[in-house]
Amino acid sequence: MHGPDCDHSADKPIGWWLRHVDGLIESSMDRVLADEGIGRRHWQALNAVAGGADTEPALDAALAPFGGASRLVLDQLRAQHWIQEIAGRISLTPTGSAARGRLVVAIRDYRARITEGVSEEQYRTTVETLARMARNLS
């Protein structure tokens, strides 16, 4: 059936959907983070530092799936006084910890919006399927 009410989304390959969803995640997350003056890469770096990545090599390793830690991103977080580096160790400042706390709430709400109408089982199956496909291609 073809017509204005016809949904051809199932005709699109998974690669199309992956790129499309990733682009939507990138742009919509940037809008969520814009109030704090940061983007997705800054958020990922903040989380990595909060999670224990306290050197540039550790931060690069933690952020490798996203292209590694950018010197520009770190410099911008330093300029905002959100991170500091003392004796080669990177850590969140009190200002950075407070900002991250605000962002955790905003990101939690954002992630709930992304998965609205998706059951826990559907989400888990999707992630497991993508993980299997990644292993198949590795």
N, C-alpha and C. Protein backbone atom coordinates (compact mmCIF):
# COMPACT_ATOMS: atom_id res chain seq x y z
N MET A 1 0.85 -1.19 0.00
CA MET A 1 0.00 0.00 0.00
C MET A 1 0.88 1.24 0.00
N HIS A 2 0.60 2.16 -0.85
CA HIS A 2 1.33 3.41 -0.91
C HIS A 2 0.33 4.54 -0.79
N GLY A 3 0.67 5.54 -0.05
CA GLY A 3 -0.20 6.67 0.14
C GLY A 3 0.29 7.50 1.30
N PRO A 4 -0.45 8.55 1.64
CA PRO A 4 0.03 9.48 2.68
C PRO A 4 0.13 8.83 4.07
N ASP A 5 -0.62 7.78 4.33
CA ASP A 5 -0.58 7.14 5.64
C ASP A 5 0.37 5.94 5.68
N CYS A 6 1.05 5.67 4.59
CA CYS A 6 1.93 4.52 4.50
C CYS A 6 3.27 4.85 5.16
N ASP A 7 3.72 3.97 6.01
CA ASP A 7 5.00 4.13 6.71
C ASP A 7 6.01 3.19 6.10
N HIS A 8 7.00 3.76 5.42
CA HIS A 8 8.04 2.95 4.77
C HIS A 8 9.30 2.84 5.63
N SER A 9 9.18 3.14 6.92
CA SER A 9 10.37 3.13 7.77
C SER A 9 11.03 1.75 7.82
N ALA A 10 10.24 0.69 7.73
CA ALA A 10 10.82 -0.66 7.77
C ALA A 10 11.63 -0.96 6.52
N ASP A 11 11.46 -0.17 5.47
CA ASP A 11 12.20 -0.38 4.24
C ASP A 11 13.64 0.14 4.33
N LYS A 12 13.93 0.95 5.33
CA LYS A 12 15.26 1.54 5.47
C LYS A 12 16.19 0.55 6.18
N PRO A 13 17.44 0.46 5.74
CA PRO A 13 18.38 -0.48 6.37
C PRO A 13 18.85 0.03 7.73
N ILE A 14 19.38 -0.88 8.52
CA ILE A 14 19.80 -0.53 9.87
C ILE A 14 20.85 0.57 9.89
N GLY A 15 21.76 0.58 8.90
CA GLY A 15 22.78 1.62 8.84
C GLY A 15 22.17 3.01 8.74
N TRP A 16 21.09 3.12 7.96
CA TRP A 16 20.40 4.41 7.84
C TRP A 16 19.87 4.83 9.20
N TRP A 17 19.21 3.89 9.89
CA TRP A 17 18.64 4.21 11.19
C TRP A 17 19.71 4.57 12.22
N LEU A 18 20.84 3.85 12.19
CA LEU A 18 21.92 4.15 13.14
C LEU A 18 22.44 5.57 12.94
N ARG A 19 22.71 5.93 11.69
CA ARG A 19 23.20 7.29 11.42
C ARG A 19 22.15 8.33 11.76
N HIS A 20 20.90 8.05 11.43
CA HIS A 20 19.82 9.00 11.69
C HIS A 20 19.64 9.22 13.19
N VAL A 21 19.56 8.14 13.95
CA VAL A 21 19.37 8.25 15.40
C VAL A 21 20.58 8.92 16.05
N ASP A 22 21.79 8.56 15.61
CA ASP A 22 22.98 9.19 16.18
C ASP A 22 22.97 10.70 15.93
N GLY A 23 22.59 11.11 14.74
CA GLY A 23 22.50 12.54 14.44
C GLY A 23 21.46 13.24 15.30
N LEU A 24 20.32 12.58 15.50
CA LEU A 24 19.28 13.16 16.36
C LEU A 24 19.73 13.23 17.81
N ILE A 25 20.42 12.20 18.27
CA ILE A 25 20.95 12.22 19.64
C ILE A 25 21.94 13.36 19.79
N GLU A 26 22.83 13.49 18.85
CA GLU A 26 23.85 14.55 18.90
C GLU A 26 23.21 15.93 18.97
N SER A 27 22.31 16.22 18.04
CA SER A 27 21.72 17.56 18.00
C SER A 27 20.79 17.83 19.17
N SER A 28 20.00 16.85 19.56
CA SER A 28 19.07 17.10 20.67
C SER A 28 19.81 17.15 22.00
N MET A 29 20.86 16.36 22.17
CA MET A 29 21.63 16.43 23.41
C MET A 29 22.36 17.77 23.50
N ASP A 30 22.86 18.25 22.38
CA ASP A 30 23.51 19.56 22.39
C ASP A 30 22.54 20.65 22.84
N ARG A 31 21.27 20.53 22.45
CA ARG A 31 20.27 21.51 22.91
C ARG A 31 20.06 21.41 24.41
N VAL A 32 20.04 20.19 24.95
CA VAL A 32 19.87 19.99 26.40
C VAL A 32 21.05 20.60 27.15
N LEU A 33 22.25 20.43 26.61
CA LEU A 33 23.46 20.89 27.28
C LEU A 33 23.77 22.37 27.05
N ALA A 34 23.10 22.98 26.08
CA ALA A 34 23.41 24.36 25.68
C ALA A 34 23.27 25.36 26.83
N ASP A 35 22.33 25.13 27.73
CA ASP A 35 22.15 26.06 28.84
C ASP A 35 23.40 26.17 29.71
N GLU A 36 24.18 25.12 29.74
CA GLU A 36 25.43 25.14 30.51
C GLU A 36 26.62 25.55 29.64
N GLY A 37 26.36 25.78 28.35
CA GLY A 37 27.43 26.22 27.46
C GLY A 37 28.38 25.13 27.01
N ILE A 38 27.89 23.87 27.01
CA ILE A 38 28.73 22.76 26.59
C ILE A 38 27.99 21.91 25.57
N GLY A 39 28.70 20.95 24.98
CA GLY A 39 28.13 20.00 24.05
C GLY A 39 28.34 18.57 24.53
N ARG A 40 27.97 17.63 23.70
CA ARG A 40 28.02 16.21 24.06
C ARG A 40 29.42 15.75 24.45
N ARG A 41 30.44 16.19 23.72
CA ARG A 41 31.82 15.77 24.03
C ARG A 41 32.25 16.27 25.41
N HIS A 42 31.83 17.48 25.76
CA HIS A 42 32.14 18.01 27.09
C HIS A 42 31.50 17.13 28.17
N TRP A 43 30.23 16.77 27.94
CA TRP A 43 29.51 15.93 28.87
C TRP A 43 30.21 14.59 29.05
N GLN A 44 30.62 14.00 27.94
CA GLN A 44 31.31 12.71 28.00
C GLN A 44 32.63 12.85 28.76
N ALA A 45 33.35 13.93 28.54
CA ALA A 45 34.61 14.15 29.25
C ALA A 45 34.36 14.34 30.74
N LEU A 46 33.35 15.12 31.10
CA LEU A 46 33.01 15.32 32.52
C LEU A 46 32.71 13.99 33.19
N ASN A 47 31.92 13.16 32.53
CA ASN A 47 31.57 11.86 33.10
C ASN A 47 32.79 10.96 33.22
N ALA A 48 33.65 11.00 32.24
CA ALA A 48 34.86 10.17 32.29
C ALA A 48 35.75 10.59 33.46
N VAL A 49 35.90 11.89 33.64
CA VAL A 49 36.71 12.38 34.77
C VAL A 49 36.04 12.00 36.09
N ALA A 50 34.73 12.20 36.18
CA ALA A 50 34.00 11.82 37.40
C ALA A 50 34.10 10.33 37.67
N GLY A 51 34.24 9.53 36.59
CA GLY A 51 34.34 8.08 36.72
C GLY A 51 35.74 7.57 36.98
N GLY A 52 36.70 8.48 37.09
CA GLY A 52 38.05 8.07 37.45
C GLY A 52 39.11 8.23 36.38
N ALA A 53 38.75 8.70 35.20
CA ALA A 53 39.76 8.95 34.16
C ALA A 53 40.47 10.25 34.53
N ASP A 54 41.59 10.12 35.23
CA ASP A 54 42.22 11.30 35.81
C ASP A 54 43.55 11.70 35.16
N THR A 55 43.85 11.12 34.00
CA THR A 55 45.00 11.55 33.20
C THR A 55 44.54 11.66 31.76
N GLU A 56 45.30 12.37 30.95
CA GLU A 56 44.91 12.48 29.54
C GLU A 56 44.88 11.12 28.84
N PRO A 57 45.87 10.22 29.08
CA PRO A 57 45.77 8.90 28.44
C PRO A 57 44.52 8.12 28.90
N ALA A 58 44.19 8.21 30.18
CA ALA A 58 43.00 7.53 30.68
C ALA A 58 41.74 8.14 30.09
N LEU A 59 41.73 9.44 29.95
CA LEU A 59 40.58 10.13 29.36
C LEU A 59 40.46 9.77 27.88
N ASP A 60 41.59 9.72 27.18
CA ASP A 60 41.57 9.31 25.77
C ASP A 60 41.02 7.89 25.63
N ALA A 61 41.44 7.00 26.52
CA ALA A 61 40.96 5.61 26.47
C ALA A 61 39.45 5.54 26.74
N ALA A 62 38.99 6.29 27.74
CA ALA A 62 37.57 6.28 28.10
C ALA A 62 36.71 6.85 26.98
N LEU A 63 37.26 7.80 26.25
CA LEU A 63 36.49 8.47 25.19
C LEU A 63 36.85 7.97 23.79
N ALA A 64 37.64 6.90 23.71
CA ALA A 64 38.05 6.37 22.40
C ALA A 64 36.87 6.09 21.46
N PRO A 65 35.75 5.53 21.96
CA PRO A 65 34.63 5.28 21.04
C PRO A 65 34.06 6.56 20.42
N PHE A 66 34.38 7.70 21.03
CA PHE A 66 33.86 8.99 20.56
C PHE A 66 34.95 9.84 19.91
N GLY A 67 36.09 9.22 19.61
CA GLY A 67 37.18 9.96 18.98
C GLY A 67 38.24 10.42 19.95
N GLY A 68 38.17 9.99 21.19
CA GLY A 68 39.18 10.38 22.18
C GLY A 68 38.89 11.73 22.78
N ALA A 69 39.74 12.12 23.70
CA ALA A 69 39.59 13.41 24.37
C ALA A 69 40.24 14.48 23.50
N SER A 70 39.50 15.49 23.21
CA SER A 70 40.01 16.60 22.42
C SER A 70 40.67 17.62 23.36
N ARG A 71 41.83 18.08 22.97
CA ARG A 71 42.51 19.14 23.76
C ARG A 71 41.60 20.35 23.87
N LEU A 72 40.88 20.68 22.80
CA LEU A 72 39.97 21.83 22.81
C LEU A 72 38.88 21.65 23.87
N VAL A 73 38.29 20.46 23.94
CA VAL A 73 37.24 20.19 24.93
C VAL A 73 37.80 20.37 26.34
N LEU A 74 38.98 19.81 26.60
CA LEU A 74 39.60 19.95 27.92
C LEU A 74 39.92 21.41 28.23
N ASP A 75 40.44 22.12 27.25
CA ASP A 75 40.74 23.54 27.46
C ASP A 75 39.48 24.34 27.76
N GLN A 76 38.38 24.01 27.08
CA GLN A 76 37.12 24.72 27.33
C GLN A 76 36.59 24.41 28.72
N LEU A 77 36.70 23.15 29.16
CA LEU A 77 36.25 22.81 30.51
C LEU A 77 37.13 23.49 31.56
N ARG A 78 38.42 23.60 31.28
CA ARG A 78 39.31 24.33 32.19
C ARG A 78 38.93 25.81 32.25
N ALA A 79 38.63 26.39 31.08
CA ALA A 79 38.26 27.81 31.01
C ALA A 79 36.99 28.10 31.80
N GLN A 80 36.10 27.12 31.87
CA GLN A 80 34.87 27.27 32.65
C GLN A 80 35.10 26.93 34.12
N HIS A 81 36.31 26.55 34.45
CA HIS A 81 36.69 26.16 35.82
C HIS A 81 35.92 24.92 36.28
N TRP A 82 35.68 24.01 35.35
CA TRP A 82 34.97 22.76 35.67
C TRP A 82 35.93 21.62 35.93
N ILE A 83 37.12 21.69 35.32
CA ILE A 83 38.15 20.70 35.60
C ILE A 83 39.44 21.43 35.91
N GLN A 84 40.31 20.71 36.58
CA GLN A 84 41.65 21.23 36.86
C GLN A 84 42.65 20.11 36.69
N GLU A 85 43.88 20.49 36.46
CA GLU A 85 44.94 19.49 36.34
C GLU A 85 46.05 19.89 37.28
N ILE A 86 46.32 19.00 38.22
CA ILE A 86 47.37 19.24 39.21
C ILE A 86 48.30 18.03 39.18
N ALA A 87 49.58 18.29 38.95
CA ALA A 87 50.59 17.23 38.90
C ALA A 87 50.19 16.11 37.93
N GLY A 88 49.63 16.51 36.77
CA GLY A 88 49.27 15.53 35.75
C GLY A 88 47.97 14.80 36.00
N ARG A 89 47.26 15.13 37.07
CA ARG A 89 45.99 14.48 37.40
C ARG A 89 44.84 15.45 37.13
N ILE A 90 43.86 14.97 36.39
CA ILE A 90 42.68 15.78 36.05
C ILE A 90 41.58 15.45 37.04
N SER A 91 40.90 16.47 37.52
CA SER A 91 39.77 16.26 38.43
C SER A 91 38.73 17.35 38.20
N LEU A 92 37.52 17.06 38.67
CA LEU A 92 36.47 18.06 38.63
C LEU A 92 36.73 19.08 39.74
N THR A 93 36.44 20.32 39.45
CA THR A 93 36.47 21.35 40.49
C THR A 93 35.12 21.33 41.20
N PRO A 94 34.98 22.03 42.31
CA PRO A 94 33.66 22.14 42.93
C PRO A 94 32.61 22.72 41.96
N THR A 95 33.02 23.69 41.17
CA THR A 95 32.11 24.27 40.17
C THR A 95 31.72 23.22 39.13
N GLY A 96 32.69 22.42 38.71
CA GLY A 96 32.42 21.35 37.75
C GLY A 96 31.52 20.28 38.31
N SER A 97 31.74 19.92 39.57
CA SER A 97 30.88 18.93 40.22
C SER A 97 29.45 19.43 40.32
N ALA A 98 29.28 20.70 40.66
CA ALA A 98 27.93 21.27 40.76
C ALA A 98 27.25 21.29 39.39
N ALA A 99 28.00 21.69 38.36
CA ALA A 99 27.44 21.71 37.01
C ALA A 99 27.07 20.30 36.56
N ARG A 100 27.94 19.35 36.83
CA ARG A 100 27.65 17.96 36.45
C ARG A 100 26.40 17.47 37.17
N GLY A 101 26.22 17.83 38.43
CA GLY A 101 25.03 17.45 39.17
C GLY A 101 23.76 17.97 38.52
N ARG A 102 23.80 19.22 38.07
CA ARG A 102 22.63 19.79 37.36
C ARG A 102 22.39 19.04 36.07
N LEU A 103 23.46 18.73 35.37
CA LEU A 103 23.34 18.06 34.08
C LEU A 103 22.87 16.62 34.21
N VAL A 104 23.24 15.95 35.29
CA VAL A 104 22.78 14.56 35.50
C VAL A 104 21.25 14.53 35.49
N VAL A 105 20.63 15.50 36.13
CA VAL A 105 19.17 15.57 36.18
C VAL A 105 18.61 15.83 34.77
N ALA A 106 19.19 16.79 34.06
CA ALA A 106 18.71 17.12 32.71
C ALA A 106 18.89 15.94 31.76
N ILE A 107 20.01 15.25 31.85
CA ILE A 107 20.28 14.11 30.98
C ILE A 107 19.37 12.93 31.33
N ARG A 108 19.09 12.74 32.59
CA ARG A 108 18.17 11.66 32.98
C ARG A 108 16.79 11.90 32.35
N ASP A 109 16.31 13.14 32.41
CA ASP A 109 15.02 13.48 31.79
C ASP A 109 15.09 13.30 30.27
N TYR A 110 16.19 13.70 29.68
CA TYR A 110 16.40 13.58 28.24
C TYR A 110 16.37 12.10 27.82
N ARG A 111 17.07 11.25 28.55
CA ARG A 111 17.09 9.83 28.22
C ARG A 111 15.71 9.20 28.38
N ALA A 112 14.95 9.66 29.35
CA ALA A 112 13.58 9.15 29.52
C ALA A 112 12.74 9.51 28.30
N ARG A 113 12.97 10.70 27.75
CA ARG A 113 12.23 11.13 26.55
C ARG A 113 12.61 10.26 25.35
N ILE A 114 13.89 9.92 25.22
CA ILE A 114 14.34 9.10 24.10
C ILE A 114 13.65 7.74 24.12
N THR A 115 13.50 7.17 25.30
CA THR A 115 12.96 5.81 25.40
C THR A 115 11.46 5.78 25.71
N GLU A 116 10.81 6.92 25.62
CA GLU A 116 9.36 6.97 25.86
C GLU A 116 8.66 6.02 24.89
N GLY A 117 7.79 5.18 25.42
CA GLY A 117 7.05 4.23 24.60
C GLY A 117 7.83 2.97 24.26
N VAL A 118 9.04 2.85 24.78
CA VAL A 118 9.87 1.67 24.55
C VAL A 118 9.95 0.91 25.87
N SER A 119 9.54 -0.33 25.86
CA SER A 119 9.59 -1.12 27.10
C SER A 119 11.04 -1.44 27.46
N GLU A 120 11.25 -1.78 28.70
CA GLU A 120 12.59 -2.19 29.16
C GLU A 120 13.08 -3.38 28.33
N GLU A 121 12.19 -4.32 28.05
CA GLU A 121 12.56 -5.49 27.26
C GLU A 121 12.95 -5.10 25.83
N GLN A 122 12.20 -4.19 25.22
CA GLN A 122 12.53 -3.74 23.87
C GLN A 122 13.88 -3.03 23.86
N TYR A 123 14.11 -2.20 24.84
CA TYR A 123 15.38 -1.48 24.93
C TYR A 123 16.54 -2.47 25.07
N ARG A 124 16.39 -3.39 26.01
CA ARG A 124 17.44 -4.39 26.26
C ARG A 124 17.70 -5.23 25.00
N THR A 125 16.64 -5.64 24.32
CA THR A 125 16.80 -6.43 23.10
C THR A 125 17.52 -5.61 22.02
N THR A 126 17.17 -4.36 21.88
CA THR A 126 17.83 -3.50 20.90
C THR A 126 19.31 -3.37 21.19
N VAL A 127 19.66 -3.09 22.43
CA VAL A 127 21.07 -2.95 22.81
C VAL A 127 21.82 -4.26 22.62
N GLU A 128 21.22 -5.36 23.02
CA GLU A 128 21.86 -6.67 22.84
C GLU A 128 22.06 -6.98 21.36
N THR A 129 21.09 -6.64 20.53
CA THR A 129 21.20 -6.88 19.10
C THR A 129 22.33 -6.04 18.50
N LEU A 130 22.40 -4.77 18.85
CA LEU A 130 23.47 -3.92 18.35
C LEU A 130 24.83 -4.38 18.84
N ALA A 131 24.90 -4.83 20.09
CA ALA A 131 26.17 -5.35 20.62
C ALA A 131 26.61 -6.58 19.85
N ARG A 132 25.66 -7.45 19.54
CA ARG A 132 25.98 -8.67 18.77
C ARG A 132 26.47 -8.29 17.38
N MET A 133 25.81 -7.33 16.74
CA MET A 133 26.23 -6.90 15.41
C MET A 133 27.64 -6.31 15.45
N ALA A 134 27.93 -5.54 16.50
CA ALA A 134 29.27 -4.97 16.66
C ALA A 134 30.31 -6.07 16.82
N ARG A 135 30.01 -7.07 17.63
CA ARG A 135 30.94 -8.20 17.79
C ARG A 135 31.14 -8.94 16.47
N ASN A 136 30.07 -9.10 15.72
CA ASN A 136 30.17 -9.78 14.42
C ASN A 136 31.09 -9.03 13.46
N LEU A 137 31.12 -7.73 13.58
CA LEU A 137 31.93 -6.92 12.66
C LEU A 137 33.34 -6.67 13.19
N SER A 138 33.60 -7.05 14.43
CA SER A 138 34.93 -6.80 15.01
C SER A 138 35.94 -7.83 14.56
